[in-house]
Amino acid sequence: MKAIIPNLIENSQISLYIQLYEHIKSAILSKEIAFGEKLPSLRNLSTDLGVSVTTVDLAYSQLMVEGYIYSKPQSGYYVANSLNPLYAMNDVVPSDVFATSFDETPPHDVLQRFSDSSLRFKVDTSCFDFNKWKKCINKVLTNCSHMLLSESDSQGESALRYEIAKYLYSFRGVSCSPDQVIISAGTQQTSQHLSRVLQDLDIYTVATETPGYAPVTQIFRNNRFSIFEIPVLDDGIEIEKLPVNIPSAVYVNPSNQFPTGSVMPIGRRYDLLAWAEKNDSYIIEDDYDSELRYFGRPIPALKSLDHSNRVIYLGSFSSTLFPAIKISYMVLPEKPLEKYVESKDSYSQTCSKTEQLALSLYMAEGKYMSGIKKLRRLYSQKLNAVISQMKKTADDFITIHNTYSGITVSLKVNTGKSAAILSAEAESLGLNVIESPAVKTDDLKIKDMIFYYNQIPLTEISDSVKQLTNLWRE
């Protein structure tokens, strides 16, 4: 029987039994203690080491749980006869690997160590007042901690649904009750919930805008809907090509169409509502970015004109707060709401309850609307800076479109470079530019691109645009 002589440190942050456990495990893995060899008894080892029997018992128990040793009744403790070869390390034992791979970074530096490496593009922390948000989080943790000890309502927290309904009535012209509001984690998850609701209504056909927001179209396609891709004209989706005589749904961005930025005029909105009523169908209105309009007043939501309960309204906080919050919502009219309620308890709420409650406070205290007003001023300045610099440095080969709202501008770039190269060159500067899903022109040299300018600090926009256009020109 080989002697076990670990170097136990009394005042270490690591408990004595863990130190003993690590020592014996290392000895087994390095074959200092042979397979099948008998270990000292609890009492003998505790006497030899000057520790309590409980300390040795805890160490042995952990080794048995992990399969390193086993106990024979009336005989004692023995090393297992074999171990998985993956764990039979000859030179480096797990404790050494742990020490050299992970313990180099002090705990307070961990977030900082990984934060910058995850950022592909520039960020502008002035876009959102995190101090105000932190106060709302602290209020929830201090005053509402008892509410966090239960699961979130599958439909979303009632306080947040109330604030959303109040906001929609005051600023988007939408009249709804909190019971009609359903909270979810992002527009794509909202679309998953909506897919189930539509199928419960025996609707299996969805029309989408072309060009349009591809991820939502793909979700409907993945859920086995028949997809009608409908062209987008200067005044919105081509209503005359929508399905007729079958119950269906159409997904639209009437107030700020992606990626064209077109706005559906009032006459076409009434035409679309008439189509829905006549064909027993529904309109899915995605109102993303509608608050961020920089010239004139924000355009009222299509839902505000709906008197026949035919519009399903989608909204999100990712562009008006910060992307990581991932809180979105939908407002369901009567029949879709009934179908949702029938099965809502089969699904768990995936939005953080803490963030939902904090957001309800943020809205109730007026911070949300003041934040939007600040964003409108800031983004308007950024947009003007982008347009001005583009005209100075790239007017001969770049044309700018969609300059009234949102967080992007559309670019037509006359170049021999591919769209993929243009995107990669932008990313090398920390800028987010993607190929537009817009219908391509006959001229192969024209590349349709979408430039996300919102996260570039205002003081850096002119230089960033100048560097980008110079790089694209090469």
Foldseek 3Di string as FASTA:
>chain_A
DDDQDFDADPPDPDDRLVSSLLSVLVCDLQCVPPAFDFDDALVVNCVVHVHDSVSPVVSVVVCVVVQQWDADPPPHITGHNDDDPVQNDNPDHPVNVCCVPPVPDPPVCVCVVCVVVPALFFFDPVLADVVLLVVLLVCCVVPVVVVQVDAADLQGHLLLLQLVQVCCVVAQLAHDHSLQKGKAQAPLVVLVLVLQLCVVVVAQEEEEEQVADPSSVVSSVVSRGHYHYFYADLQGTPQVPDDAQAAYEYEGAQQQTPPQGHHHDPVVLVVNLVRCVRRVYAYEYEPEFQLQFQPDGRDHGSNSVDPPQRYKYKYDCCVLHNPVQRMIMIGHGDSSSVSCVVCSVVDGHPHDNSSSSSVSVCSVVPVSVVSSVVLNVQQLLQLVLLVVLCCVAPVPFKDWHNSGTDQKIKIWGQAPDDQVVLQVLLSVLSWGKHFGSHDDDPPPRTTIIIGGRSRDPSVCRNVSSNSSSVVRVD
